[in-house]
Amino acid sequence: MNIIYHLSSCSTNKRILAELPLEQFKLIDIKDHPLSDEELEGFYKHTSSYEALINKRAQLFKAEGIAPNGQSEDRYRELLKSHYTYLKRPVIQYQDKLYIGNAKSTVESLKSHLESTH
């Protein structure tokens, strides 16, 4: 199943979603539907790293006095489970690939993959 994990209140996520053929995806707002253990483990299987899933610009790092770098993988997993803002977003699961974050190169790679499969 093709799924987009996003934050509906995020203007960057809204911009990216506007550029995609949404009829091909199930949309999951991570604020309303926090990640399950199964979903998080599925992401980990693609990345082999919880750190790769962390939004290191999350305001909660400052608010809670947590250093965004140098945490253990277990700690990064705990953070991802504790609050949706720690997840780098959007996370787009398309076919057998996972696209994480809003970097221009990530979005372009996804678009290229979408074009090559249709």
N, C-alpha and C. Protein backbone atom coordinates (compact mmCIF):
# COMPACT_ATOMS: atom_id res chain seq x y z
N MET A 1 0.83 -1.18 0.00
CA MET A 1 0.00 0.00 0.00
C MET A 1 0.88 1.24 0.00
N ASN A 2 0.47 2.24 -0.75
CA ASN A 2 1.18 3.52 -0.82
C ASN A 2 0.57 4.45 0.22
N ILE A 3 1.42 4.97 1.08
CA ILE A 3 0.95 5.77 2.21
C ILE A 3 1.81 7.03 2.35
N ILE A 4 1.17 8.13 2.70
CA ILE A 4 1.88 9.35 3.05
C ILE A 4 1.56 9.67 4.50
N TYR A 5 2.60 9.69 5.33
CA TYR A 5 2.50 10.10 6.73
C TYR A 5 2.90 11.57 6.74
N HIS A 6 1.98 12.43 7.14
CA HIS A 6 2.22 13.87 7.05
C HIS A 6 1.62 14.57 8.26
N LEU A 7 1.84 15.86 8.31
CA LEU A 7 1.24 16.71 9.33
C LEU A 7 0.40 17.74 8.58
N SER A 8 -0.91 17.65 8.72
CA SER A 8 -1.83 18.49 7.93
C SER A 8 -1.69 19.98 8.22
N SER A 9 -1.17 20.33 9.38
CA SER A 9 -1.02 21.75 9.73
C SER A 9 0.32 22.34 9.24
N CYS A 10 1.14 21.52 8.62
CA CYS A 10 2.47 21.97 8.16
C CYS A 10 2.37 22.49 6.73
N SER A 11 2.74 23.75 6.52
CA SER A 11 2.64 24.35 5.18
C SER A 11 3.57 23.66 4.18
N THR A 12 4.72 23.21 4.62
CA THR A 12 5.63 22.50 3.73
C THR A 12 5.02 21.17 3.29
N ASN A 13 4.43 20.45 4.22
CA ASN A 13 3.75 19.20 3.86
C ASN A 13 2.61 19.47 2.89
N LYS A 14 1.84 20.52 3.11
CA LYS A 14 0.73 20.87 2.22
C LYS A 14 1.24 21.15 0.81
N ARG A 15 2.36 21.88 0.71
CA ARG A 15 2.93 22.20 -0.59
C ARG A 15 3.35 20.94 -1.33
N ILE A 16 4.01 20.03 -0.62
CA ILE A 16 4.47 18.78 -1.23
C ILE A 16 3.28 17.93 -1.67
N LEU A 17 2.27 17.81 -0.82
CA LEU A 17 1.08 17.03 -1.17
C LEU A 17 0.38 17.58 -2.40
N ALA A 18 0.39 18.89 -2.56
CA ALA A 18 -0.25 19.52 -3.72
C ALA A 18 0.44 19.13 -5.02
N GLU A 19 1.67 18.69 -4.95
CA GLU A 19 2.44 18.32 -6.13
C GLU A 19 2.33 16.84 -6.49
N LEU A 20 1.61 16.07 -5.68
CA LEU A 20 1.56 14.62 -5.86
C LEU A 20 0.18 14.13 -6.28
N PRO A 21 0.14 12.99 -7.00
CA PRO A 21 -1.14 12.37 -7.36
C PRO A 21 -1.73 11.63 -6.16
N LEU A 22 -2.44 12.34 -5.32
CA LEU A 22 -2.89 11.81 -4.04
C LEU A 22 -3.84 10.63 -4.15
N GLU A 23 -4.48 10.46 -5.29
CA GLU A 23 -5.39 9.32 -5.45
C GLU A 23 -4.65 7.98 -5.35
N GLN A 24 -3.34 8.02 -5.48
CA GLN A 24 -2.54 6.79 -5.38
C GLN A 24 -2.14 6.46 -3.95
N PHE A 25 -2.48 7.33 -3.00
CA PHE A 25 -1.98 7.20 -1.64
C PHE A 25 -3.09 7.21 -0.61
N LYS A 26 -2.82 6.54 0.48
CA LYS A 26 -3.61 6.69 1.70
C LYS A 26 -2.89 7.76 2.51
N LEU A 27 -3.61 8.75 3.00
CA LEU A 27 -3.02 9.82 3.79
C LEU A 27 -3.24 9.56 5.27
N ILE A 28 -2.17 9.69 6.04
CA ILE A 28 -2.26 9.54 7.49
C ILE A 28 -1.65 10.77 8.14
N ASP A 29 -2.49 11.51 8.86
CA ASP A 29 -2.03 12.68 9.61
C ASP A 29 -1.45 12.17 10.93
N ILE A 30 -0.17 12.35 11.12
CA ILE A 30 0.51 11.78 12.29
C ILE A 30 0.09 12.44 13.60
N LYS A 31 -0.51 13.60 13.53
CA LYS A 31 -1.01 14.23 14.76
C LYS A 31 -2.26 13.50 15.24
N ASP A 32 -3.11 13.14 14.31
CA ASP A 32 -4.36 12.45 14.65
C ASP A 32 -4.17 10.95 14.83
N HIS A 33 -3.19 10.39 14.15
CA HIS A 33 -2.93 8.95 14.20
C HIS A 33 -1.44 8.71 14.42
N PRO A 34 -1.00 8.73 15.67
CA PRO A 34 0.42 8.52 15.97
C PRO A 34 0.92 7.19 15.40
N LEU A 35 2.20 7.16 15.11
CA LEU A 35 2.80 5.95 14.54
C LEU A 35 2.63 4.77 15.47
N SER A 36 2.27 3.65 14.90
CA SER A 36 2.22 2.41 15.67
C SER A 36 3.63 1.82 15.72
N ASP A 37 3.83 0.89 16.63
CA ASP A 37 5.12 0.20 16.70
C ASP A 37 5.42 -0.49 15.37
N GLU A 38 4.40 -1.07 14.76
CA GLU A 38 4.57 -1.78 13.48
C GLU A 38 5.01 -0.81 12.38
N GLU A 39 4.41 0.36 12.31
CA GLU A 39 4.80 1.35 11.30
C GLU A 39 6.23 1.82 11.53
N LEU A 40 6.57 2.12 12.77
CA LEU A 40 7.91 2.58 13.09
C LEU A 40 8.94 1.51 12.75
N GLU A 41 8.65 0.26 13.06
CA GLU A 41 9.58 -0.82 12.73
C GLU A 41 9.70 -1.00 11.22
N GLY A 42 8.60 -0.78 10.50
CA GLY A 42 8.65 -0.83 9.04
C GLY A 42 9.57 0.24 8.48
N PHE A 43 9.51 1.45 9.04
CA PHE A 43 10.42 2.52 8.63
C PHE A 43 11.86 2.11 8.91
N TYR A 44 12.07 1.55 10.09
CA TYR A 44 13.42 1.15 10.49
C TYR A 44 14.00 0.11 9.53
N LYS A 45 13.16 -0.79 9.05
CA LYS A 45 13.64 -1.81 8.10
C LYS A 45 14.18 -1.17 6.83
N HIS A 46 13.61 -0.03 6.44
CA HIS A 46 14.09 0.69 5.25
C HIS A 46 15.36 1.49 5.52
N THR A 47 15.47 2.04 6.72
CA THR A 47 16.55 2.98 7.00
C THR A 47 17.70 2.39 7.82
N SER A 48 17.41 1.34 8.57
CA SER A 48 18.37 0.76 9.53
C SER A 48 18.84 1.79 10.54
N SER A 49 18.02 2.83 10.74
CA SER A 49 18.40 3.89 11.66
C SER A 49 17.18 4.68 12.09
N TYR A 50 16.97 4.80 13.39
CA TYR A 50 15.92 5.69 13.89
C TYR A 50 16.35 7.14 13.73
N GLU A 51 17.65 7.36 13.83
CA GLU A 51 18.16 8.73 13.68
C GLU A 51 17.79 9.31 12.32
N ALA A 52 17.78 8.48 11.27
CA ALA A 52 17.43 8.94 9.93
C ALA A 52 15.98 9.44 9.86
N LEU A 53 15.17 9.05 10.82
CA LEU A 53 13.75 9.44 10.86
C LEU A 53 13.51 10.68 11.70
N ILE A 54 14.54 11.16 12.37
CA ILE A 54 14.40 12.27 13.32
C ILE A 54 14.47 13.63 12.64
N ASN A 55 13.51 14.47 12.97
CA ASN A 55 13.50 15.86 12.55
C ASN A 55 14.36 16.63 13.56
N LYS A 56 15.60 16.88 13.22
CA LYS A 56 16.51 17.50 14.17
C LYS A 56 16.25 18.99 14.35
N ARG A 57 15.28 19.52 13.62
CA ARG A 57 14.89 20.92 13.79
C ARG A 57 13.64 21.05 14.66
N ALA A 58 13.18 19.94 15.21
CA ALA A 58 11.97 19.97 16.04
C ALA A 58 12.16 20.91 17.22
N GLN A 59 11.18 21.76 17.45
CA GLN A 59 11.23 22.72 18.55
C GLN A 59 11.30 22.03 19.91
N LEU A 60 10.77 20.82 19.99
CA LEU A 60 10.78 20.11 21.28
C LEU A 60 12.20 19.82 21.79
N PHE A 61 13.15 19.70 20.88
CA PHE A 61 14.53 19.49 21.35
C PHE A 61 14.95 20.64 22.25
N LYS A 62 14.71 21.86 21.79
CA LYS A 62 15.06 23.03 22.60
C LYS A 62 14.19 23.12 23.85
N ALA A 63 12.89 22.93 23.67
CA ALA A 63 11.95 23.07 24.77
C ALA A 63 12.23 22.08 25.90
N GLU A 64 12.66 20.89 25.54
CA GLU A 64 12.92 19.86 26.55
C GLU A 64 14.40 19.72 26.90
N GLY A 65 15.23 20.56 26.30
CA GLY A 65 16.66 20.53 26.61
C GLY A 65 17.37 19.27 26.15
N ILE A 66 16.90 18.68 25.06
CA ILE A 66 17.49 17.45 24.53
C ILE A 66 18.41 17.82 23.37
N ALA A 67 19.60 17.27 23.35
CA ALA A 67 20.50 17.48 22.23
C ALA A 67 20.00 16.65 21.04
N PRO A 68 19.82 17.27 19.87
CA PRO A 68 19.30 16.51 18.73
C PRO A 68 20.31 15.52 18.16
N ASN A 69 21.57 15.70 18.48
CA ASN A 69 22.61 14.79 17.98
C ASN A 69 23.19 13.97 19.12
N GLY A 70 23.78 12.85 18.77
CA GLY A 70 24.51 12.06 19.75
C GLY A 70 23.67 11.19 20.65
N GLN A 71 22.41 10.97 20.29
CA GLN A 71 21.55 10.10 21.09
C GLN A 71 21.74 8.65 20.61
N SER A 72 21.39 7.70 21.44
CA SER A 72 21.45 6.30 21.03
C SER A 72 20.24 5.98 20.14
N GLU A 73 20.33 4.90 19.40
CA GLU A 73 19.20 4.48 18.56
C GLU A 73 17.96 4.23 19.42
N ASP A 74 18.15 3.65 20.59
CA ASP A 74 17.02 3.42 21.48
C ASP A 74 16.37 4.73 21.90
N ARG A 75 17.18 5.73 22.17
CA ARG A 75 16.65 7.04 22.56
C ARG A 75 15.90 7.69 21.40
N TYR A 76 16.46 7.60 20.19
CA TYR A 76 15.77 8.15 19.03
C TYR A 76 14.42 7.46 18.84
N ARG A 77 14.37 6.15 19.06
CA ARG A 77 13.10 5.42 18.94
C ARG A 77 12.11 5.93 19.99
N GLU A 78 12.58 6.12 21.22
CA GLU A 78 11.71 6.65 22.29
C GLU A 78 11.15 8.01 21.91
N LEU A 79 11.99 8.87 21.35
CA LEU A 79 11.55 10.20 20.96
C LEU A 79 10.48 10.11 19.86
N LEU A 80 10.71 9.26 18.88
CA LEU A 80 9.74 9.09 17.80
C LEU A 80 8.39 8.60 18.32
N LYS A 81 8.43 7.75 19.32
CA LYS A 81 7.19 7.24 19.91
C LYS A 81 6.53 8.27 20.83
N SER A 82 7.31 9.18 21.38
CA SER A 82 6.78 10.11 22.37
C SER A 82 5.98 11.27 21.78
N HIS A 83 6.35 11.75 20.58
CA HIS A 83 5.67 12.92 20.03
C HIS A 83 5.88 12.98 18.53
N TYR A 84 4.81 13.29 17.82
CA TYR A 84 4.84 13.30 16.36
C TYR A 84 5.81 14.31 15.76
N THR A 85 6.12 15.39 16.47
CA THR A 85 6.99 16.41 15.89
C THR A 85 8.43 15.94 15.72
N TYR A 86 8.80 14.85 16.36
CA TYR A 86 10.16 14.34 16.19
C TYR A 86 10.35 13.62 14.85
N LEU A 87 9.25 13.27 14.18
CA LEU A 87 9.37 12.56 12.91
C LEU A 87 9.65 13.54 11.77
N LYS A 88 10.70 13.23 11.02
CA LYS A 88 10.99 13.99 9.81
C LYS A 88 9.86 13.70 8.83
N ARG A 89 9.27 14.73 8.26
CA ARG A 89 8.09 14.51 7.45
C ARG A 89 8.09 15.36 6.20
N PRO A 90 7.31 14.91 5.23
CA PRO A 90 6.48 13.72 5.23
C PRO A 90 7.32 12.46 5.07
N VAL A 91 6.73 11.34 5.45
CA VAL A 91 7.30 10.03 5.16
C VAL A 91 6.36 9.40 4.14
N ILE A 92 6.92 9.09 2.99
CA ILE A 92 6.10 8.58 1.89
C ILE A 92 6.56 7.17 1.54
N GLN A 93 5.65 6.25 1.68
CA GLN A 93 5.89 4.85 1.36
C GLN A 93 5.25 4.61 0.00
N TYR A 94 6.08 4.42 -1.02
CA TYR A 94 5.58 4.16 -2.36
C TYR A 94 6.23 2.90 -2.89
N GLN A 95 5.39 1.93 -3.17
CA GLN A 95 5.82 0.61 -3.59
C GLN A 95 6.81 0.07 -2.57
N ASP A 96 8.03 -0.19 -2.95
CA ASP A 96 9.00 -0.78 -2.03
C ASP A 96 10.00 0.24 -1.49
N LYS A 97 9.73 1.53 -1.70
CA LYS A 97 10.66 2.57 -1.28
C LYS A 97 10.04 3.47 -0.21
N LEU A 98 10.92 4.09 0.56
CA LEU A 98 10.51 5.03 1.58
C LEU A 98 11.22 6.36 1.31
N TYR A 99 10.45 7.43 1.25
CA TYR A 99 10.99 8.76 1.04
C TYR A 99 10.72 9.55 2.31
N ILE A 100 11.80 10.08 2.91
CA ILE A 100 11.70 10.70 4.23
C ILE A 100 12.12 12.16 4.16
N GLY A 101 11.22 13.02 4.59
CA GLY A 101 11.55 14.43 4.70
C GLY A 101 11.16 15.26 3.50
N ASN A 102 11.44 16.54 3.61
CA ASN A 102 11.00 17.49 2.60
C ASN A 102 12.13 18.08 1.77
N ALA A 103 13.30 17.47 1.82
CA ALA A 103 14.41 17.97 1.00
C ALA A 103 14.01 17.92 -0.47
N LYS A 104 14.42 18.92 -1.21
CA LYS A 104 14.07 18.98 -2.63
C LYS A 104 14.50 17.71 -3.36
N SER A 105 15.67 17.20 -3.06
CA SER A 105 16.16 15.99 -3.73
C SER A 105 15.27 14.78 -3.42
N THR A 106 14.76 14.70 -2.21
CA THR A 106 13.88 13.60 -1.82
C THR A 106 12.57 13.67 -2.59
N VAL A 107 11.99 14.86 -2.67
CA VAL A 107 10.72 15.04 -3.38
C VAL A 107 10.91 14.77 -4.87
N GLU A 108 12.01 15.25 -5.44
CA GLU A 108 12.27 15.02 -6.86
C GLU A 108 12.48 13.54 -7.15
N SER A 109 13.15 12.84 -6.25
CA SER A 109 13.36 11.40 -6.42
C SER A 109 12.02 10.66 -6.42
N LEU A 110 11.13 11.04 -5.51
CA LEU A 110 9.80 10.44 -5.48
C LEU A 110 9.05 10.73 -6.78
N LYS A 111 9.06 11.96 -7.23
CA LYS A 111 8.35 12.31 -8.45
C LYS A 111 8.88 11.52 -9.64
N SER A 112 10.18 11.37 -9.69
CA SER A 112 10.79 10.58 -10.77
C SER A 112 10.31 9.14 -10.71
N HIS A 113 10.25 8.58 -9.51
CA HIS A 113 9.78 7.20 -9.33
C HIS A 113 8.32 7.09 -9.75
N LEU A 114 7.51 8.06 -9.38
CA LEU A 114 6.09 8.06 -9.76
C LEU A 114 5.94 8.09 -11.29
N GLU A 115 6.73 8.92 -11.94
CA GLU A 115 6.65 9.06 -13.40
C GLU A 115 7.10 7.77 -14.09
N SER A 116 8.10 7.12 -13.54
CA SER A 116 8.63 5.92 -14.19
C SER A 116 7.72 4.71 -14.05
N THR A 117 6.79 4.78 -13.10
CA THR A 117 5.88 3.64 -12.89
C THR A 117 4.53 3.87 -13.55
N HIS A 118 4.35 5.01 -14.22
CA HIS A 118 3.06 5.26 -14.90
C HIS A 118 3.27 5.67 -16.32
